[in-house]
């Protein structure tokens, strides 16, 4: 989608700060958010899919998005989608928020009343694959020149703004995969061929790009036109 959430190619935010020996999590609650994501969107759960999750994050208030951390984005997106689907209510979220504000040391699984439930042993879940069979062969092949569409959708898309209306070359064909632009909006999987497209960095960013650099972007077939 268009908005502050599509930061690729944008300037003015300063250098990316890299933390030496950065840990997987900076606080216990971040690991809890990952567990919530596994429970609601992992294999065997149909509460939300990865594309609905991403679209939920993309609808955050821009100021909140920029001022919050990575796993805050996750929690906001999950909460939004589950609330819209009726799996949770705003009242329930507010009640738990108030509880943890009053009991900051309580475990994440603590009920609002009564004894806490037993702690479950963590299990490893594999991410479900997005690969699907196709009814028709891929339109493009490695070496074909293509141009990305110049489009500005209101909803979710994986075609970043900086890569729109740009000429590239098909590098590889990944087969058929779930189409995010449909999947995020409850329109089914609608699988399409997925390609790795090679772009010269200067094609994407002009004189701001480093010389002799290439960028590879995975793009669905409906994003592309013959070059």
C-alpha atoms as a PDB file:
ATOM      1  CA  UNK A   1       0.000   0.000   0.000  1.00  0.00           C
ATOM      2  CA  UNK A   2       1.025   3.624  -0.194  1.00  0.00           C
ATOM      3  CA  UNK A   3       1.937   5.178   3.132  1.00  0.00           C
ATOM      4  CA  UNK A   4       4.615   5.576   5.768  1.00  0.00           C
ATOM      5  CA  UNK A   5       4.689   1.793   6.208  1.00  0.00           C
ATOM      6  CA  UNK A   6       6.351   1.394   2.769  1.00  0.00           C
ATOM      7  CA  UNK A   7       9.765   2.796   3.713  1.00  0.00           C
ATOM      8  CA  UNK A   8      11.807   1.159   0.956  1.00  0.00           C
ATOM      9  CA  UNK A   9      13.818   3.759  -0.923  1.00  0.00           C
ATOM     10  CA  UNK A  10      12.755   6.641   1.341  1.00  0.00           C
ATOM     11  CA  UNK A  11      15.399   9.032   2.647  1.00  0.00           C
ATOM     12  CA  UNK A  12      15.657  11.386   5.597  1.00  0.00           C
ATOM     13  CA  UNK A  13      15.453   8.843   8.438  1.00  0.00           C
ATOM     14  CA  UNK A  14      19.184   8.717   9.126  1.00  0.00           C
ATOM     15  CA  UNK A  15      21.477   5.689   9.038  1.00  0.00           C
ATOM     16  CA  UNK A  16      20.320   2.218  10.061  1.00  0.00           C
ATOM     17  CA  UNK A  17      21.682   1.618  13.567  1.00  0.00           C
ATOM     18  CA  UNK A  18      23.072  -1.898  13.963  1.00  0.00           C
ATOM     19  CA  UNK A  19      23.302  -3.333  17.462  1.00  0.00           C
ATOM     20  CA  UNK A  20      26.401  -5.431  18.123  1.00  0.00           C
ATOM     21  CA  UNK A  21      25.466  -8.974  19.212  1.00  0.00           C
ATOM     22  CA  UNK A  22      21.793  -8.078  19.175  1.00  0.00           C
ATOM     23  CA  UNK A  23      19.703 -10.620  21.143  1.00  0.00           C
ATOM     24  CA  UNK A  24      16.599 -12.257  19.628  1.00  0.00           C
ATOM     25  CA  UNK A  25      14.425 -10.322  22.105  1.00  0.00           C
ATOM     26  CA  UNK A  26      15.036  -7.223  24.199  1.00  0.00           C
ATOM     27  CA  UNK A  27      12.240  -8.001  26.658  1.00  0.00           C
ATOM     28  CA  UNK A  28      10.128 -11.013  27.664  1.00  0.00           C
ATOM     29  CA  UNK A  29       6.970  -9.508  26.200  1.00  0.00           C
ATOM     30  CA  UNK A  30       8.490  -9.606  22.692  1.00  0.00           C
ATOM     31  CA  UNK A  31       8.780 -13.391  22.894  1.00  0.00           C
ATOM     32  CA  UNK A  32       5.147 -13.499  24.029  1.00  0.00           C
ATOM     33  CA  UNK A  33       4.096 -11.614  20.897  1.00  0.00           C
ATOM     34  CA  UNK A  34       5.884 -14.194  18.738  1.00  0.00           C
ATOM     35  CA  UNK A  35       4.038 -16.944  20.628  1.00  0.00           C
ATOM     36  CA  UNK A  36       0.731 -15.160  19.986  1.00  0.00           C
ATOM     37  CA  UNK A  37       1.565 -15.004  16.281  1.00  0.00           C
ATOM     38  CA  UNK A  38       2.295 -18.745  16.226  1.00  0.00           C
ATOM     39  CA  UNK A  39      -0.948 -19.484  18.080  1.00  0.00           C
ATOM     40  CA  UNK A  40      -3.162 -17.384  15.833  1.00  0.00           C
ATOM     41  CA  UNK A  41      -1.454 -17.590  12.460  1.00  0.00           C
ATOM     42  CA  UNK A  42       0.727 -20.685  12.597  1.00  0.00           C
ATOM     43  CA  UNK A  43       0.129 -24.072  11.057  1.00  0.00           C
ATOM     44  CA  UNK A  44      -3.213 -25.471  12.161  1.00  0.00           C
ATOM     45  CA  UNK A  45      -4.725 -22.054  12.936  1.00  0.00           C
ATOM     46  CA  UNK A  46      -7.074 -20.188  10.628  1.00  0.00           C
ATOM     47  CA  UNK A  47      -7.560 -17.029  12.697  1.00  0.00           C
ATOM     48  CA  UNK A  48      -5.383 -14.929  10.390  1.00  0.00           C
ATOM     49  CA  UNK A  49      -2.975 -15.419   7.532  1.00  0.00           C
ATOM     50  CA  UNK A  50       0.381 -13.748   6.940  1.00  0.00           C
ATOM     51  CA  UNK A  51      -1.022 -11.281   4.425  1.00  0.00           C
ATOM     52  CA  UNK A  52      -3.883 -10.204   6.705  1.00  0.00           C
ATOM     53  CA  UNK A  53      -1.281  -9.764   9.445  1.00  0.00           C
ATOM     54  CA  UNK A  54       0.874  -7.506   7.259  1.00  0.00           C
ATOM     55  CA  UNK A  55      -2.150  -5.480   6.166  1.00  0.00           C
ATOM     56  CA  UNK A  56      -3.135  -5.073   9.805  1.00  0.00           C
ATOM     57  CA  UNK A  57       0.248  -3.485  10.531  1.00  0.00           C
ATOM     58  CA  UNK A  58      -0.031  -1.260   7.451  1.00  0.00           C
ATOM     59  CA  UNK A  59      -3.148   0.345   8.919  1.00  0.00           C
ATOM     60  CA  UNK A  60      -1.378   1.598  12.026  1.00  0.00           C
ATOM     61  CA  UNK A  61      -1.484   5.339  12.615  1.00  0.00           C
ATOM     62  CA  UNK A  62       1.670   6.652  10.864  1.00  0.00           C
ATOM     63  CA  UNK A  63       2.949   8.524  13.930  1.00  0.00           C
ATOM     64  CA  UNK A  64       2.413   5.448  16.112  1.00  0.00           C
ATOM     65  CA  UNK A  65       4.149   3.260  13.544  1.00  0.00           C
ATOM     66  CA  UNK A  66       7.281   5.416  13.471  1.00  0.00           C
ATOM     67  CA  UNK A  67       7.424   5.788  17.257  1.00  0.00           C
ATOM     68  CA  UNK A  68       6.935   2.106  18.112  1.00  0.00           C
ATOM     69  CA  UNK A  69       9.179  -0.949  17.978  1.00  0.00           C
ATOM     70  CA  UNK A  70       9.158  -3.975  15.689  1.00  0.00           C
ATOM     71  CA  UNK A  71       7.178  -6.284  17.966  1.00  0.00           C
ATOM     72  CA  UNK A  72       4.795  -3.487  18.884  1.00  0.00           C
ATOM     73  CA  UNK A  73       3.947  -3.464  15.166  1.00  0.00           C
ATOM     74  CA  UNK A  74       3.269  -7.190  15.358  1.00  0.00           C
ATOM     75  CA  UNK A  75       1.007  -6.856  18.395  1.00  0.00           C
ATOM     76  CA  UNK A  76      -0.926  -3.960  16.897  1.00  0.00           C
ATOM     77  CA  UNK A  77      -1.492  -5.813  13.618  1.00  0.00           C
ATOM     78  CA  UNK A  78      -2.565  -9.066  15.292  1.00  0.00           C
ATOM     79  CA  UNK A  79      -4.932  -7.240  17.646  1.00  0.00           C
ATOM     80  CA  UNK A  80      -6.508  -5.295  14.795  1.00  0.00           C
ATOM     81  CA  UNK A  81      -7.198  -8.333  12.611  1.00  0.00           C
ATOM     82  CA  UNK A  82      -8.490 -10.540  15.446  1.00  0.00           C
ATOM     83  CA  UNK A  83     -10.762  -7.726  16.628  1.00  0.00           C
ATOM     84  CA  UNK A  84     -12.155  -7.211  13.127  1.00  0.00           C
ATOM     85  CA  UNK A  85     -12.854 -10.936  12.840  1.00  0.00           C
ATOM     86  CA  UNK A  86     -14.616 -11.067  16.195  1.00  0.00           C
ATOM     87  CA  UNK A  87     -12.075 -13.423  17.752  1.00  0.00           C
ATOM     88  CA  UNK A  88     -11.426 -10.863  20.496  1.00  0.00           C
ATOM     89  CA  UNK A  89     -13.167  -7.688  21.601  1.00  0.00           C
ATOM     90  CA  UNK A  90     -11.916  -4.205  22.314  1.00  0.00           C
ATOM     91  CA  UNK A  91     -13.335  -4.517  25.830  1.00  0.00           C
ATOM     92  CA  UNK A  92     -11.306  -7.678  26.444  1.00  0.00           C
ATOM     93  CA  UNK A  93      -8.132  -6.025  25.159  1.00  0.00           C
ATOM     94  CA  UNK A  94      -8.712  -2.989  27.360  1.00  0.00           C
ATOM     95  CA  UNK A  95      -9.324  -5.222  30.379  1.00  0.00           C
ATOM     96  CA  UNK A  96      -6.061  -7.111  29.888  1.00  0.00           C
ATOM     97  CA  UNK A  97      -4.165  -3.879  29.288  1.00  0.00           C
ATOM     98  CA  UNK A  98      -5.502  -2.462  32.559  1.00  0.00           C
ATOM     99  CA  UNK A  99      -4.637  -5.704  34.355  1.00  0.00           C
ATOM    100  CA  UNK A 100      -1.009  -5.710  33.270  1.00  0.00           C
ATOM    101  CA  UNK A 101      -0.635  -2.014  34.007  1.00  0.00           C
ATOM    102  CA  UNK A 102      -1.707  -2.845  37.547  1.00  0.00           C
ATOM    103  CA  UNK A 103       0.274  -6.128  37.693  1.00  0.00           C
ATOM    104  CA  UNK A 104       3.407  -5.569  35.562  1.00  0.00           C
ATOM    105  CA  UNK A 105       5.131  -8.679  36.959  1.00  0.00           C
ATOM    106  CA  UNK A 106       2.256 -11.056  36.186  1.00  0.00           C
ATOM    107  CA  UNK A 107       2.957 -13.789  33.601  1.00  0.00           C
ATOM    108  CA  UNK A 108       1.461 -13.266  30.161  1.00  0.00           C
ATOM    109  CA  UNK A 109      -0.860 -16.248  30.671  1.00  0.00           C
ATOM    110  CA  UNK A 110      -2.298 -14.932  33.939  1.00  0.00           C
ATOM    111  CA  UNK A 111      -6.116 -14.824  33.928  1.00  0.00           C
ATOM    112  CA  UNK A 112      -7.908 -11.715  35.092  1.00  0.00           C
ATOM    113  CA  UNK A 113      -9.244 -13.729  38.024  1.00  0.00           C
ATOM    114  CA  UNK A 114      -8.570 -17.138  39.535  1.00  0.00           C
ATOM    115  CA  UNK A 115      -5.344 -19.177  39.641  1.00  0.00           C
ATOM    116  CA  UNK A 116      -2.900 -18.958  36.727  1.00  0.00           C
ATOM    117  CA  UNK A 117      -2.995 -21.834  34.208  1.00  0.00           C
ATOM    118  CA  UNK A 118      -0.093 -24.304  34.019  1.00  0.00           C
ATOM    119  CA  UNK A 119       2.797 -23.210  31.845  1.00  0.00           C
ATOM    120  CA  UNK A 120       2.753 -25.103  28.538  1.00  0.00           C
ATOM    121  CA  UNK A 121       5.965 -26.450  27.081  1.00  0.00           C
ATOM    122  CA  UNK A 122       6.989 -24.533  23.938  1.00  0.00           C
ATOM    123  CA  UNK A 123       6.662 -26.352  20.640  1.00  0.00           C
ATOM    124  CA  UNK A 124       8.342 -25.559  17.360  1.00  0.00           C
ATOM    125  CA  UNK A 125       6.006 -24.744  14.481  1.00  0.00           C
ATOM    126  CA  UNK A 126       7.007 -24.693  10.870  1.00  0.00           C
ATOM    127  CA  UNK A 127       5.701 -21.853   8.724  1.00  0.00           C
ATOM    128  CA  UNK A 128       3.148 -23.088   6.182  1.00  0.00           C
ATOM    129  CA  UNK A 129       4.297 -22.898   2.597  1.00  0.00           C
ATOM    130  CA  UNK A 130       2.670 -20.462   0.174  1.00  0.00           C
ATOM    131  CA  UNK A 131       3.523 -22.569  -2.887  1.00  0.00           C
ATOM    132  CA  UNK A 132       0.509 -23.723  -4.925  1.00  0.00           C
ATOM    133  CA  UNK A 133      -0.213 -25.508  -8.197  1.00  0.00           C
ATOM    134  CA  UNK A 134      -1.068 -23.320 -11.198  1.00  0.00           C
ATOM    135  CA  UNK A 135      -3.754 -23.842 -13.817  1.00  0.00           C
ATOM    136  CA  UNK A 136      -1.609 -22.223 -16.546  1.00  0.00           C
ATOM    137  CA  UNK A 137       2.146 -21.975 -17.166  1.00  0.00           C
ATOM    138  CA  UNK A 138       4.173 -18.908 -16.205  1.00  0.00           C
ATOM    139  CA  UNK A 139       4.087 -16.138 -18.787  1.00  0.00           C
ATOM    140  CA  UNK A 140       7.741 -15.137 -18.413  1.00  0.00           C
ATOM    141  CA  UNK A 141      11.034 -17.028 -18.386  1.00  0.00           C
ATOM    142  CA  UNK A 142      14.550 -16.202 -17.122  1.00  0.00           C
ATOM    143  CA  UNK A 143      16.132 -13.547 -19.314  1.00  0.00           C
ATOM    144  CA  UNK A 144      12.852 -11.876 -20.293  1.00  0.00           C
ATOM    145  CA  UNK A 145      12.715  -8.100 -19.900  1.00  0.00           C
ATOM    146  CA  UNK A 146       9.709  -6.831 -17.942  1.00  0.00           C
ATOM    147  CA  UNK A 147       8.388  -3.579 -16.532  1.00  0.00           C
ATOM    148  CA  UNK A 148       6.535  -3.283 -13.248  1.00  0.00           C
ATOM    149  CA  UNK A 149       3.118  -1.689 -13.246  1.00  0.00           C
ATOM    150  CA  UNK A 150       2.651   1.883 -12.072  1.00  0.00           C
ATOM    151  CA  UNK A 151      -0.159   1.282  -9.610  1.00  0.00           C
ATOM    152  CA  UNK A 152      -1.240   2.788  -6.290  1.00  0.00           C
ATOM    153  CA  UNK A 153      -3.563   0.296  -4.557  1.00  0.00           C
ATOM    154  CA  UNK A 154      -5.506   1.278  -1.444  1.00  0.00           C
ATOM    155  CA  UNK A 155      -5.025  -2.132   0.144  1.00  0.00           C
ATOM    156  CA  UNK A 156      -2.164  -4.559   0.663  1.00  0.00           C
ATOM    157  CA  UNK A 157       0.429  -5.225  -2.028  1.00  0.00           C
ATOM    158  CA  UNK A 158       3.968  -6.586  -2.168  1.00  0.00           C
ATOM    159  CA  UNK A 159       4.931  -4.274  -5.026  1.00  0.00           C
ATOM    160  CA  UNK A 160       6.909  -1.559  -3.253  1.00  0.00           C
ATOM    161  CA  UNK A 161       6.615   2.051  -4.404  1.00  0.00           C
ATOM    162  CA  UNK A 162      10.287   2.348  -5.294  1.00  0.00           C
ATOM    163  CA  UNK A 163       9.963  -0.611  -7.688  1.00  0.00           C
ATOM    164  CA  UNK A 164       6.920   0.592  -9.635  1.00  0.00           C
ATOM    165  CA  UNK A 165       7.164   1.505 -13.317  1.00  0.00           C
ATOM    166  CA  UNK A 166      10.709   0.157 -13.480  1.00  0.00           C
ATOM    167  CA  UNK A 167      12.348  -2.107 -16.067  1.00  0.00           C
ATOM    168  CA  UNK A 168      14.024  -5.322 -14.927  1.00  0.00           C
ATOM    169  CA  UNK A 169      14.941  -8.813 -16.078  1.00  0.00           C
ATOM    170  CA  UNK A 170      13.465 -12.122 -14.939  1.00  0.00           C
ATOM    171  CA  UNK A 171      16.170 -13.906 -12.938  1.00  0.00           C
ATOM    172  CA  UNK A 172      14.237 -16.993 -11.787  1.00  0.00           C
ATOM    173  CA  UNK A 173      10.741 -18.494 -11.693  1.00  0.00           C
ATOM    174  CA  UNK A 174       9.652 -19.675  -8.235  1.00  0.00           C
ATOM    175  CA  UNK A 175       6.491 -21.482  -9.352  1.00  0.00           C
ATOM    176  CA  UNK A 176       2.972 -20.681  -8.166  1.00  0.00           C
ATOM    177  CA  UNK A 177       2.392 -18.899  -4.857  1.00  0.00           C
ATOM    178  CA  UNK A 178      -0.533 -17.403  -2.941  1.00  0.00           C
ATOM    179  CA  UNK A 179      -1.257 -13.869  -4.198  1.00  0.00           C
ATOM    180  CA  UNK A 180      -0.963 -11.487  -1.201  1.00  0.00           C
ATOM    181  CA  UNK A 181      -3.111  -8.720  -2.699  1.00  0.00           C
ATOM    182  CA  UNK A 182      -6.122 -11.054  -2.661  1.00  0.00           C
ATOM    183  CA  UNK A 183      -5.238 -13.138   0.394  1.00  0.00           C
ATOM    184  CA  UNK A 184      -5.017 -10.085   2.673  1.00  0.00           C
ATOM    185  CA  UNK A 185      -8.598  -9.093   1.881  1.00  0.00           C
ATOM    186  CA  UNK A 186     -10.477 -12.368   2.257  1.00  0.00           C
ATOM    187  CA  UNK A 187     -10.626 -13.003  -1.488  1.00  0.00           C
ATOM    188  CA  UNK A 188      -8.986 -16.423  -1.429  1.00  0.00           C
ATOM    189  CA  UNK A 189      -5.498 -17.473  -2.388  1.00  0.00           C
ATOM    190  CA  UNK A 190      -5.689 -16.819  -6.163  1.00  0.00           C
ATOM    191  CA  UNK A 191      -2.170 -18.246  -6.768  1.00  0.00           C
ATOM    192  CA  UNK A 192       0.024 -16.711  -9.456  1.00  0.00           C
ATOM    193  CA  UNK A 193       3.524 -17.314 -10.817  1.00  0.00           C
ATOM    194  CA  UNK A 194       6.153 -15.668  -8.634  1.00  0.00           C
ATOM    195  CA  UNK A 195       9.395 -14.358 -10.143  1.00  0.00           C
ATOM    196  CA  UNK A 196      12.735 -13.098  -8.937  1.00  0.00           C
ATOM    197  CA  UNK A 197      13.284  -9.920 -10.950  1.00  0.00           C
ATOM    198  CA  UNK A 198      16.724  -8.309 -11.246  1.00  0.00           C
ATOM    199  CA  UNK A 199      16.995  -4.518 -11.322  1.00  0.00           C
ATOM    200  CA  UNK A 200      19.998  -2.253 -11.687  1.00  0.00           C
ATOM    201  CA  UNK A 201      20.126  -0.165  -8.513  1.00  0.00           C
ATOM    202  CA  UNK A 202      20.346   3.048 -10.534  1.00  0.00           C
ATOM    203  CA  UNK A 203      17.110   2.096 -12.283  1.00  0.00           C
ATOM    204  CA  UNK A 204      15.405   2.106  -8.898  1.00  0.00           C
ATOM    205  CA  UNK A 205      17.116   5.039  -7.162  1.00  0.00           C
ATOM    206  CA  UNK A 206      18.941   7.036  -9.831  1.00  0.00           C
ATOM    207  CA  UNK A 207      22.070   8.891  -8.749  1.00  0.00           C
ATOM    208  CA  UNK A 208      21.426   7.976  -5.093  1.00  0.00           C
ATOM    209  CA  UNK A 209      22.276   4.339  -5.823  1.00  0.00           C
ATOM    210  CA  UNK A 210      25.700   2.833  -5.400  1.00  0.00           C
ATOM    211  CA  UNK A 211      27.309   2.047  -8.771  1.00  0.00           C
ATOM    212  CA  UNK A 212      27.358  -1.466 -10.238  1.00  0.00           C
ATOM    213  CA  UNK A 213      24.783  -2.802  -7.756  1.00  0.00           C
ATOM    214  CA  UNK A 214      21.811  -5.040  -8.502  1.00  0.00           C
ATOM    215  CA  UNK A 215      18.629  -5.649  -6.538  1.00  0.00           C
ATOM    216  CA  UNK A 216      16.532  -8.832  -6.724  1.00  0.00           C
ATOM    217  CA  UNK A 217      12.843  -8.532  -5.862  1.00  0.00           C
ATOM    218  CA  UNK A 218      10.248 -11.323  -5.751  1.00  0.00           C
ATOM    219  CA  UNK A 219       7.213 -10.156  -7.736  1.00  0.00           C
ATOM    220  CA  UNK A 220       3.928 -11.787  -8.747  1.00  0.00           C
ATOM    221  CA  UNK A 221       2.953 -12.044 -12.396  1.00  0.00           C
ATOM    222  CA  UNK A 222       0.120  -9.488 -12.281  1.00  0.00           C
ATOM    223  CA  UNK A 223       2.658  -6.870 -11.157  1.00  0.00           C
ATOM    224  CA  UNK A 224       4.537  -7.225 -14.447  1.00  0.00           C
ATOM    225  CA  UNK A 225       4.176  -6.130 -18.049  1.00  0.00           C
ATOM    226  CA  UNK A 226       6.313  -7.152 -21.022  1.00  0.00           C
ATOM    227  CA  UNK A 227       9.367  -4.886 -21.064  1.00  0.00           C
END
